[in-house]
Amino acid sequence: GSPYMVPSQYGAELAALLRKSIEVLGHMIAPPSDDWA
């Protein structure tokens, strides 16, 4: 989805969500284990 559609007052929450999303997406293309299908 678009990472731009979050009100600025939620910047701290957005940053945490972006970091987690980046981590999960990274695992999708470079799986850390066989559990990622």
PDB file of all heavy atoms in Angstrom:
ATOM      1  N   GLY A   1       0.841  -1.186   0.000  1.00  0.00           N
ATOM      2  CA  GLY A   1       0.000   0.000   0.000  1.00  0.00           C
ATOM      3  C   GLY A   1       0.871   1.228   0.000  1.00  0.00           C
ATOM      4  O   GLY A   1       2.088   1.139  -0.046  1.00  0.00           O
ATOM      5  N   SER A   2       0.263   2.363   0.055  1.00  0.00           N
ATOM      6  CA  SER A   2       1.016   3.607   0.056  1.00  0.00           C
ATOM      7  C   SER A   2       1.469   3.961   1.465  1.00  0.00           C
ATOM      8  O   SER A   2       0.649   4.044   2.373  1.00  0.00           O
ATOM      9  CB  SER A   2       0.161   4.748  -0.484  1.00  0.00           C
ATOM     10  OG  SER A   2       0.847   5.972  -0.330  1.00  0.00           O
ATOM     11  N   PRO A   3       2.784   4.185   1.653  1.00  0.00           N
ATOM     12  CA  PRO A   3       3.270   4.574   2.984  1.00  0.00           C
ATOM     13  C   PRO A   3       3.050   6.049   3.260  1.00  0.00           C
ATOM     14  O   PRO A   3       3.467   6.558   4.282  1.00  0.00           O
ATOM     15  CB  PRO A   3       4.757   4.245   2.904  1.00  0.00           C
ATOM     16  CG  PRO A   3       5.110   4.410   1.472  1.00  0.00           C
ATOM     17  CD  PRO A   3       3.867   3.983   0.701  1.00  0.00           C
ATOM     18  N   TYR A   4       2.394   6.747   2.363  1.00  0.00           N
ATOM     19  CA  TYR A   4       2.226   8.195   2.498  1.00  0.00           C
ATOM     20  C   TYR A   4       0.870   8.592   3.061  1.00  0.00           C
ATOM     21  O   TYR A   4       0.623   9.754   3.292  1.00  0.00           O
ATOM     22  CB  TYR A   4       2.420   8.862   1.132  1.00  0.00           C
ATOM     23  CG  TYR A   4       3.773   8.544   0.561  1.00  0.00           C
ATOM     24  CD1 TYR A   4       3.926   7.553  -0.386  1.00  0.00           C
ATOM     25  CD2 TYR A   4       4.901   9.199   1.024  1.00  0.00           C
ATOM     26  CE1 TYR A   4       5.177   7.244  -0.885  1.00  0.00           C
ATOM     27  CE2 TYR A   4       6.152   8.895   0.533  1.00  0.00           C
ATOM     28  CZ  TYR A   4       6.285   7.916  -0.422  1.00  0.00           C
ATOM     29  OH  TYR A   4       7.520   7.607  -0.894  1.00  0.00           O
ATOM     30  N   MET A   5       0.005   7.667   3.283  1.00  0.00           N
ATOM     31  CA  MET A   5      -1.363   7.982   3.650  1.00  0.00           C
ATOM     32  C   MET A   5      -1.595   7.887   5.157  1.00  0.00           C
ATOM     33  O   MET A   5      -2.583   7.337   5.603  1.00  0.00           O
ATOM     34  CB  MET A   5      -2.314   7.075   2.881  1.00  0.00           C
ATOM     35  CG  MET A   5      -2.138   7.216   1.380  1.00  0.00           C
ATOM     36  SD  MET A   5      -3.291   6.283   0.426  1.00  0.00           S
ATOM     37  CE  MET A   5      -4.756   7.233   0.660  1.00  0.00           C
ATOM     38  N   VAL A   6      -0.677   8.426   5.949  1.00  0.00           N
ATOM     39  CA  VAL A   6      -0.790   8.419   7.402  1.00  0.00           C
ATOM     40  C   VAL A   6      -0.636   9.851   7.891  1.00  0.00           C
ATOM     41  O   VAL A   6       0.316  10.536   7.516  1.00  0.00           O
ATOM     42  CB  VAL A   6       0.303   7.526   8.030  1.00  0.00           C
ATOM     43  CG1 VAL A   6       0.239   7.588   9.541  1.00  0.00           C
ATOM     44  CG2 VAL A   6       0.160   6.095   7.539  1.00  0.00           C
ATOM     45  N   PRO A   7      -1.558  10.334   8.719  1.00  0.00           N
ATOM     46  CA  PRO A   7      -1.425  11.698   9.235  1.00  0.00           C
ATOM     47  C   PRO A   7      -0.104  11.893   9.970  1.00  0.00           C
ATOM     48  O   PRO A   7       0.383  10.986  10.649  1.00  0.00           O
ATOM     49  CB  PRO A   7      -2.617  11.824  10.198  1.00  0.00           C
ATOM     50  CG  PRO A   7      -3.586  10.794   9.747  1.00  0.00           C
ATOM     51  CD  PRO A   7      -2.768   9.671   9.189  1.00  0.00           C
ATOM     52  N   SER A   8       0.462  13.087   9.854  1.00  0.00           N
ATOM     53  CA  SER A   8       1.788  13.357  10.422  1.00  0.00           C
ATOM     54  C   SER A   8       1.838  13.193  11.931  1.00  0.00           C
ATOM     55  O   SER A   8       2.896  12.913  12.486  1.00  0.00           O
ATOM     56  CB  SER A   8       2.245  14.765  10.031  1.00  0.00           C
ATOM     57  OG  SER A   8       1.330  15.715  10.525  1.00  0.00           O
ATOM     58  N   GLN A   9       0.715  13.337  12.610  1.00  0.00           N
ATOM     59  CA  GLN A   9       0.716  13.194  14.062  1.00  0.00           C
ATOM     60  C   GLN A   9       1.039  11.767  14.501  1.00  0.00           C
ATOM     61  O   GLN A   9       1.317  11.527  15.667  1.00  0.00           O
ATOM     62  CB  GLN A   9      -0.628  13.631  14.641  1.00  0.00           C
ATOM     63  CG  GLN A   9      -1.781  12.694  14.264  1.00  0.00           C
ATOM     64  CD  GLN A   9      -3.117  13.384  14.252  1.00  0.00           C
ATOM     65  OE1 GLN A   9      -3.225  14.485  13.728  1.00  0.00           O
ATOM     66  NE2 GLN A   9      -4.126  12.762  14.812  1.00  0.00           N
ATOM     67  N   TYR A  10       1.012  10.832  13.578  1.00  0.00           N
ATOM     68  CA  TYR A  10       1.310   9.435  13.893  1.00  0.00           C
ATOM     69  C   TYR A  10       2.693   9.024  13.396  1.00  0.00           C
ATOM     70  O   TYR A  10       2.946   7.856  13.129  1.00  0.00           O
ATOM     71  CB  TYR A  10       0.244   8.509  13.303  1.00  0.00           C
ATOM     72  CG  TYR A  10      -1.127   8.777  13.864  1.00  0.00           C
ATOM     73  CD1 TYR A  10      -2.095   9.415  13.108  1.00  0.00           C
ATOM     74  CD2 TYR A  10      -1.440   8.417  15.172  1.00  0.00           C
ATOM     75  CE1 TYR A  10      -3.353   9.685  13.626  1.00  0.00           C
ATOM     76  CE2 TYR A  10      -2.690   8.685  15.707  1.00  0.00           C
ATOM     77  CZ  TYR A  10      -3.642   9.319  14.926  1.00  0.00           C
ATOM     78  OH  TYR A  10      -4.881   9.583  15.447  1.00  0.00           O
ATOM     79  N   GLY A  11       3.600   9.975  13.295  1.00  0.00           N
ATOM     80  CA  GLY A  11       4.937   9.706  12.766  1.00  0.00           C
ATOM     81  C   GLY A  11       5.686   8.624  13.504  1.00  0.00           C
ATOM     82  O   GLY A  11       6.329   7.769  12.893  1.00  0.00           O
ATOM     83  N   ALA A  12       5.637   8.613  14.829  1.00  0.00           N
ATOM     84  CA  ALA A  12       6.359   7.592  15.604  1.00  0.00           C
ATOM     85  C   ALA A  12       5.798   6.203  15.324  1.00  0.00           C
ATOM     86  O   ALA A  12       6.556   5.243  15.147  1.00  0.00           O
ATOM     87  CB  ALA A  12       6.286   7.904  17.091  1.00  0.00           C
ATOM     88  N   GLU A  13       4.481   6.112  15.294  1.00  0.00           N
ATOM     89  CA  GLU A  13       3.859   4.821  14.999  1.00  0.00           C
ATOM     90  C   GLU A  13       4.169   4.388  13.565  1.00  0.00           C
ATOM     91  O   GLU A  13       4.422   3.223  13.298  1.00  0.00           O
ATOM     92  CB  GLU A  13       2.344   4.880  15.216  1.00  0.00           C
ATOM     93  CG  GLU A  13       1.935   5.018  16.653  1.00  0.00           C
ATOM     94  CD  GLU A  13       1.836   6.464  17.115  1.00  0.00           C
ATOM     95  OE1 GLU A  13       2.269   7.385  16.392  1.00  0.00           O
ATOM     96  OE2 GLU A  13       1.318   6.683  18.217  1.00  0.00           O
ATOM     97  N   LEU A  14       4.145   5.355  12.655  1.00  0.00           N
ATOM     98  CA  LEU A  14       4.445   5.049  11.259  1.00  0.00           C
ATOM     99  C   LEU A  14       5.868   4.529  11.118  1.00  0.00           C
ATOM    100  O   LEU A  14       6.108   3.544  10.421  1.00  0.00           O
ATOM    101  CB  LEU A  14       4.235   6.272  10.370  1.00  0.00           C
ATOM    102  CG  LEU A  14       4.596   6.089   8.892  1.00  0.00           C
ATOM    103  CD1 LEU A  14       3.802   4.946   8.264  1.00  0.00           C
ATOM    104  CD2 LEU A  14       4.379   7.383   8.130  1.00  0.00           C
ATOM    105  N   ALA A  15       6.813   5.156  11.783  1.00  0.00           N
ATOM    106  CA  ALA A  15       8.208   4.720  11.687  1.00  0.00           C
ATOM    107  C   ALA A  15       8.350   3.275  12.150  1.00  0.00           C
ATOM    108  O   ALA A  15       9.018   2.469  11.491  1.00  0.00           O
ATOM    109  CB  ALA A  15       9.104   5.645  12.504  1.00  0.00           C
ATOM    110  N   ALA A  16       7.713   2.932  13.252  1.00  0.00           N
ATOM    111  CA  ALA A  16       7.789   1.554  13.754  1.00  0.00           C
ATOM    112  C   ALA A  16       7.145   0.581  12.765  1.00  0.00           C
ATOM    113  O   ALA A  16       7.689  -0.503  12.513  1.00  0.00           O
ATOM    114  CB  ALA A  16       7.108   1.458  15.113  1.00  0.00           C
ATOM    115  N   LEU A  17       6.008   0.963  12.200  1.00  0.00           N
ATOM    116  CA  LEU A  17       5.342   0.108  11.217  1.00  0.00           C
ATOM    117  C   LEU A  17       6.173  -0.047   9.948  1.00  0.00           C
ATOM    118  O   LEU A  17       6.239  -1.137   9.368  1.00  0.00           O
ATOM    119  CB  LEU A  17       3.962   0.665  10.881  1.00  0.00           C
ATOM    120  CG  LEU A  17       2.923   0.569  11.994  1.00  0.00           C
ATOM    121  CD1 LEU A  17       1.673   1.353  11.617  1.00  0.00           C
ATOM    122  CD2 LEU A  17       2.582  -0.882  12.278  1.00  0.00           C
ATOM    123  N   LEU A  18       6.799   1.036   9.516  1.00  0.00           N
ATOM    124  CA  LEU A  18       7.653   0.957   8.325  1.00  0.00           C
ATOM    125  C   LEU A  18       8.830   0.031   8.571  1.00  0.00           C
ATOM    126  O   LEU A  18       9.163  -0.803   7.718  1.00  0.00           O
ATOM    127  CB  LEU A  18       8.141   2.347   7.926  1.00  0.00           C
ATOM    128  CG  LEU A  18       7.093   3.283   7.329  1.00  0.00           C
ATOM    129  CD1 LEU A  18       7.661   4.680   7.161  1.00  0.00           C
ATOM    130  CD2 LEU A  18       6.563   2.745   6.019  1.00  0.00           C
ATOM    131  N   ARG A  19       9.473   0.153   9.739  1.00  0.00           N
ATOM    132  CA  ARG A  19      10.609  -0.733  10.044  1.00  0.00           C
ATOM    133  C   ARG A  19      10.178  -2.195  10.053  1.00  0.00           C
ATOM    134  O   ARG A  19      10.868  -3.064   9.503  1.00  0.00           O
ATOM    135  CB  ARG A  19      11.241  -0.346  11.382  1.00  0.00           C
ATOM    136  CG  ARG A  19      12.127   0.884  11.296  1.00  0.00           C
ATOM    137  CD  ARG A  19      12.947   1.088  12.571  1.00  0.00           C
ATOM    138  NE  ARG A  19      12.112   1.506  13.689  1.00  0.00           N
ATOM    139  CZ  ARG A  19      11.746   2.763  13.922  1.00  0.00           C
ATOM    140  NH1 ARG A  19      12.141   3.737  13.116  1.00  0.00           N
ATOM    141  NH2 ARG A  19      10.990   3.051  14.965  1.00  0.00           N
ATOM    142  N   LYS A  20       9.052  -2.492  10.665  1.00  0.00           N
ATOM    143  CA  LYS A  20       8.557  -3.868  10.710  1.00  0.00           C
ATOM    144  C   LYS A  20       8.189  -4.358   9.310  1.00  0.00           C
ATOM    145  O   LYS A  20       8.487  -5.496   8.939  1.00  0.00           O
ATOM    146  CB  LYS A  20       7.350  -3.971  11.652  1.00  0.00           C
ATOM    147  CG  LYS A  20       6.844  -5.380  11.832  1.00  0.00           C
ATOM    148  CD  LYS A  20       7.892  -6.281  12.462  1.00  0.00           C
ATOM    149  CE  LYS A  20       7.349  -7.667  12.712  1.00  0.00           C
ATOM    150  NZ  LYS A  20       8.371  -8.566  13.242  1.00  0.00           N
ATOM    151  N   SER A  21       7.549  -3.500   8.522  1.00  0.00           N
ATOM    152  CA  SER A  21       7.178  -3.877   7.157  1.00  0.00           C
ATOM    153  C   SER A  21       8.410  -4.174   6.315  1.00  0.00           C
ATOM    154  O   SER A  21       8.430  -5.143   5.552  1.00  0.00           O
ATOM    155  CB  SER A  21       6.353  -2.765   6.503  1.00  0.00           C
ATOM    156  OG  SER A  21       5.152  -2.576   7.194  1.00  0.00           O
ATOM    157  N   ILE A  22       9.434  -3.345   6.455  1.00  0.00           N
ATOM    158  CA  ILE A  22      10.685  -3.559   5.727  1.00  0.00           C
ATOM    159  C   ILE A  22      11.302  -4.893   6.127  1.00  0.00           C
ATOM    160  O   ILE A  22      11.772  -5.659   5.277  1.00  0.00           O
ATOM    161  CB  ILE A  22      11.658  -2.385   5.967  1.00  0.00           C
ATOM    162  CG1 ILE A  22      11.128  -1.122   5.280  1.00  0.00           C
ATOM    163  CG2 ILE A  22      13.070  -2.720   5.508  1.00  0.00           C
ATOM    164  CD1 ILE A  22      11.788   0.165   5.734  1.00  0.00           C
ATOM    165  N   GLU A  23      11.266  -5.187   7.417  1.00  0.00           N
ATOM    166  CA  GLU A  23      11.808  -6.463   7.903  1.00  0.00           C
ATOM    167  C   GLU A  23      11.050  -7.650   7.315  1.00  0.00           C
ATOM    168  O   GLU A  23      11.649  -8.598   6.792  1.00  0.00           O
ATOM    169  CB  GLU A  23      11.732  -6.507   9.429  1.00  0.00           C
ATOM    170  CG  GLU A  23      12.198  -7.825  10.017  1.00  0.00           C
ATOM    171  CD  GLU A  23      11.982  -7.923  11.520  1.00  0.00           C
ATOM    172  OE1 GLU A  23      11.432  -6.982  12.131  1.00  0.00           O
ATOM    173  OE2 GLU A  23      12.366  -8.955  12.080  1.00  0.00           O
ATOM    174  N   VAL A  24       9.721  -7.592   7.366  1.00  0.00           N
ATOM    175  CA  VAL A  24       8.909  -8.699   6.864  1.00  0.00           C
ATOM    176  C   VAL A  24       9.071  -8.856   5.351  1.00  0.00           C
ATOM    177  O   VAL A  24       9.243  -9.976   4.856  1.00  0.00           O
ATOM    178  CB  VAL A  24       7.420  -8.502   7.247  1.00  0.00           C
ATOM    179  CG1 VAL A  24       6.532  -9.509   6.540  1.00  0.00           C
ATOM    180  CG2 VAL A  24       7.248  -8.605   8.759  1.00  0.00           C
ATOM    181  N   LEU A  25       9.033  -7.744   4.629  1.00  0.00           N
ATOM    182  CA  LEU A  25       9.221  -7.825   3.175  1.00  0.00           C
ATOM    183  C   LEU A  25      10.594  -8.392   2.833  1.00  0.00           C
ATOM    184  O   LEU A  25      10.724  -9.188   1.897  1.00  0.00           O
ATOM    185  CB  LEU A  25       9.031  -6.449   2.543  1.00  0.00           C
ATOM    186  CG  LEU A  25       7.598  -5.923   2.519  1.00  0.00           C
ATOM    187  CD1 LEU A  25       7.579  -4.448   2.145  1.00  0.00           C
ATOM    188  CD2 LEU A  25       6.737  -6.728   1.568  1.00  0.00           C
ATOM    189  N   GLY A  26      11.599  -8.003   3.588  1.00  0.00           N
ATOM    190  CA  GLY A  26      12.932  -8.552   3.370  1.00  0.00           C
ATOM    191  C   GLY A  26      12.964 -10.059   3.559  1.00  0.00           C
ATOM    192  O   GLY A  26      13.595 -10.784   2.785  1.00  0.00           O
ATOM    193  N   HIS A  27      12.252 -10.531   4.576  1.00  0.00           N
ATOM    194  CA  HIS A  27      12.193 -11.976   4.817  1.00  0.00           C
ATOM    195  C   HIS A  27      11.421 -12.699   3.719  1.00  0.00           C
ATOM    196  O   HIS A  27      11.665 -13.877   3.466  1.00  0.00           O
ATOM    197  CB  HIS A  27      11.551 -12.256   6.171  1.00  0.00           C
ATOM    198  CG  HIS A  27      12.435 -11.903   7.325  1.00  0.00           C
ATOM    199  ND1 HIS A  27      11.971 -11.817   8.598  1.00  0.00           N
ATOM    200  CD2 HIS A  27      13.753 -11.609   7.401  1.00  0.00           C
ATOM    201  CE1 HIS A  27      12.948 -11.485   9.410  1.00  0.00           C
ATOM    202  NE2 HIS A  27      14.051 -11.348   8.697  1.00  0.00           N
ATOM    203  N   MET A  28      10.501 -11.994   3.078  1.00  0.00           N
ATOM    204  CA  MET A  28       9.743 -12.609   1.993  1.00  0.00           C
ATOM    205  C   MET A  28      10.641 -12.955   0.811  1.00  0.00           C
ATOM    206  O   MET A  28      10.419 -13.963   0.138  1.00  0.00           O
ATOM    207  CB  MET A  28       8.613 -11.686   1.548  1.00  0.00           C
ATOM    208  CG  MET A  28       7.497 -11.574   2.574  1.00  0.00           C
ATOM    209  SD  MET A  28       6.312 -10.246   2.227  1.00  0.00           S
ATOM    210  CE  MET A  28       5.573 -10.814   0.705  1.00  0.00           C
ATOM    211  N   ILE A  29      11.671 -12.137   0.558  1.00  0.00           N
ATOM    212  CA  ILE A  29      12.539 -12.402  -0.598  1.00  0.00           C
ATOM    213  C   ILE A  29      13.897 -12.977  -0.196  1.00  0.00           C
ATOM    214  O   ILE A  29      14.646 -13.440  -1.047  1.00  0.00           O
ATOM    215  CB  ILE A  29      12.722 -11.146  -1.473  1.00  0.00           C
ATOM    216  CG1 ILE A  29      13.304  -9.988  -0.690  1.00  0.00           C
ATOM    217  CG2 ILE A  29      11.392 -10.775  -2.128  1.00  0.00           C
ATOM    218  CD1 ILE A  29      13.648  -8.778  -1.533  1.00  0.00           C
ATOM    219  N   ALA A  30      14.210 -12.942   1.094  1.00  0.00           N
ATOM    220  CA  ALA A  30      15.434 -13.569   1.627  1.00  0.00           C
ATOM    221  C   ALA A  30      15.039 -14.281   2.915  1.00  0.00           C
ATOM    222  O   ALA A  30      15.334 -13.798   4.014  1.00  0.00           O
ATOM    223  CB  ALA A  30      16.513 -12.523   1.875  1.00  0.00           C
ATOM    224  N   PRO A  31      14.338 -15.406   2.789  1.00  0.00           N
ATOM    225  CA  PRO A  31      13.780 -16.086   3.952  1.00  0.00           C
ATOM    226  C   PRO A  31      14.844 -16.482   4.977  1.00  0.00           C
ATOM    227  O   PRO A  31      15.865 -17.061   4.618  1.00  0.00           O
ATOM    228  CB  PRO A  31      13.127 -17.340   3.368  1.00  0.00           C
ATOM    229  CG  PRO A  31      12.999 -17.095   1.911  1.00  0.00           C
ATOM    230  CD  PRO A  31      14.080 -16.125   1.551  1.00  0.00           C
ATOM    231  N   PRO A  32      14.585 -16.167   6.262  1.00  0.00           N
ATOM    232  CA  PRO A  32      15.521 -16.542   7.307  1.00  0.00           C
ATOM    233  C   PRO A  32      15.405 -18.020   7.690  1.00  0.00           C
ATOM    234  O   PRO A  32      16.272 -18.552   8.378  1.00  0.00           O
ATOM    235  CB  PRO A  32      15.125 -15.645   8.480  1.00  0.00           C
ATOM    236  CG  PRO A  32      13.674 -15.389   8.271  1.00  0.00           C
ATOM    237  CD  PRO A  32      13.493 -15.352   6.780  1.00  0.00           C
ATOM    238  N   SER A  33      14.321 -18.664   7.254  1.00  0.00           N
ATOM    239  CA  SER A  33      14.118 -20.084   7.547  1.00  0.00           C
ATOM    240  C   SER A  33      13.182 -20.674   6.504  1.00  0.00           C
ATOM    241  O   SER A  33      12.594 -19.960   5.687  1.00  0.00           O
ATOM    242  CB  SER A  33      13.521 -20.269   8.955  1.00  0.00           C
ATOM    243  OG  SER A  33      12.175 -19.839   8.973  1.00  0.00           O
ATOM    244  N   ASP A  34      13.018 -21.985   6.573  1.00  0.00           N
ATOM    245  CA  ASP A  34      12.119 -22.674   5.643  1.00  0.00           C
ATOM    246  C   ASP A  34      10.644 -22.399   5.933  1.00  0.00           C
ATOM    247  O   ASP A  34       9.776 -22.764   5.150  1.00  0.00           O
ATOM    248  CB  ASP A  34      12.364 -24.187   5.685  1.00  0.00           C
ATOM    249  CG  ASP A  34      13.703 -24.565   5.076  1.00  0.00           C
ATOM    250  OD1 ASP A  34      14.241 -23.779   4.271  1.00  0.00           O
ATOM    251  OD2 ASP A  34      14.216 -25.660   5.412  1.00  0.00           O
ATOM    252  N   ASP A  35      10.371 -21.748   7.056  1.00  0.00           N
ATOM    253  CA  ASP A  35       8.989 -21.427   7.404  1.00  0.00           C
ATOM    254  C   ASP A  35       8.400 -20.333   6.513  1.00  0.00           C
ATOM    255  O   ASP A  35       7.193 -20.161   6.467  1.00  0.00           O
ATOM    256  CB  ASP A  35       8.896 -20.981   8.866  1.00  0.00           C
ATOM    257  CG  ASP A  35       9.227 -22.107   9.833  1.00  0.00           C
ATOM    258  OD1 ASP A  35       9.064 -23.287   9.457  1.00  0.00           O
ATOM    259  OD2 ASP A  35       9.661 -21.810  10.955  1.00  0.00           O
ATOM    260  N   TRP A  36       9.250 -19.573   5.851  1.00  0.00           N
ATOM    261  CA  TRP A  36       8.800 -18.487   4.977  1.00  0.00           C
ATOM    262  C   TRP A  36       8.601 -19.059   3.575  1.00  0.00           C
ATOM    263  O   TRP A  36       9.555 -19.328   2.861  1.00  0.00           O
ATOM    264  CB  TRP A  36       9.829 -17.362   4.946  1.00  0.00           C
ATOM    265  CG  TRP A  36       9.881 -16.615   6.231  1.00  0.00           C
ATOM    266  CD1 TRP A  36      10.507 -17.016   7.377  1.00  0.00           C
ATOM    267  CD2 TRP A  36       9.270 -15.376   6.525  1.00  0.00           C
ATOM    268  NE1 TRP A  36      10.327 -16.097   8.357  1.00  0.00           N
ATOM    269  CE2 TRP A  36       9.570 -15.058   7.862  1.00  0.00           C
ATOM    270  CE3 TRP A  36       8.506 -14.486   5.782  1.00  0.00           C
ATOM    271  CZ2 TRP A  36       9.118 -13.899   8.475  1.00  0.00           C
ATOM    272  CZ3 TRP A  36       8.066 -13.328   6.393  1.00  0.00           C
ATOM    273  CH2 TRP A  36       8.363 -13.047   7.721  1.00  0.00           C
ATOM    274  N   ALA A  37       7.355 -19.210   3.148  1.00  0.00           N
ATOM    275  CA  ALA A  37       7.048 -19.885   1.884  1.00  0.00           C
ATOM    276  C   ALA A  37       6.605 -18.934   0.779  1.00  0.00           C
ATOM    277  O   ALA A  37       6.124 -19.377  -0.258  1.00  0.00           O
ATOM    278  CB  ALA A  37       5.965 -20.935   2.120  1.00  0.00           C
TER     279      ALA A  37
END
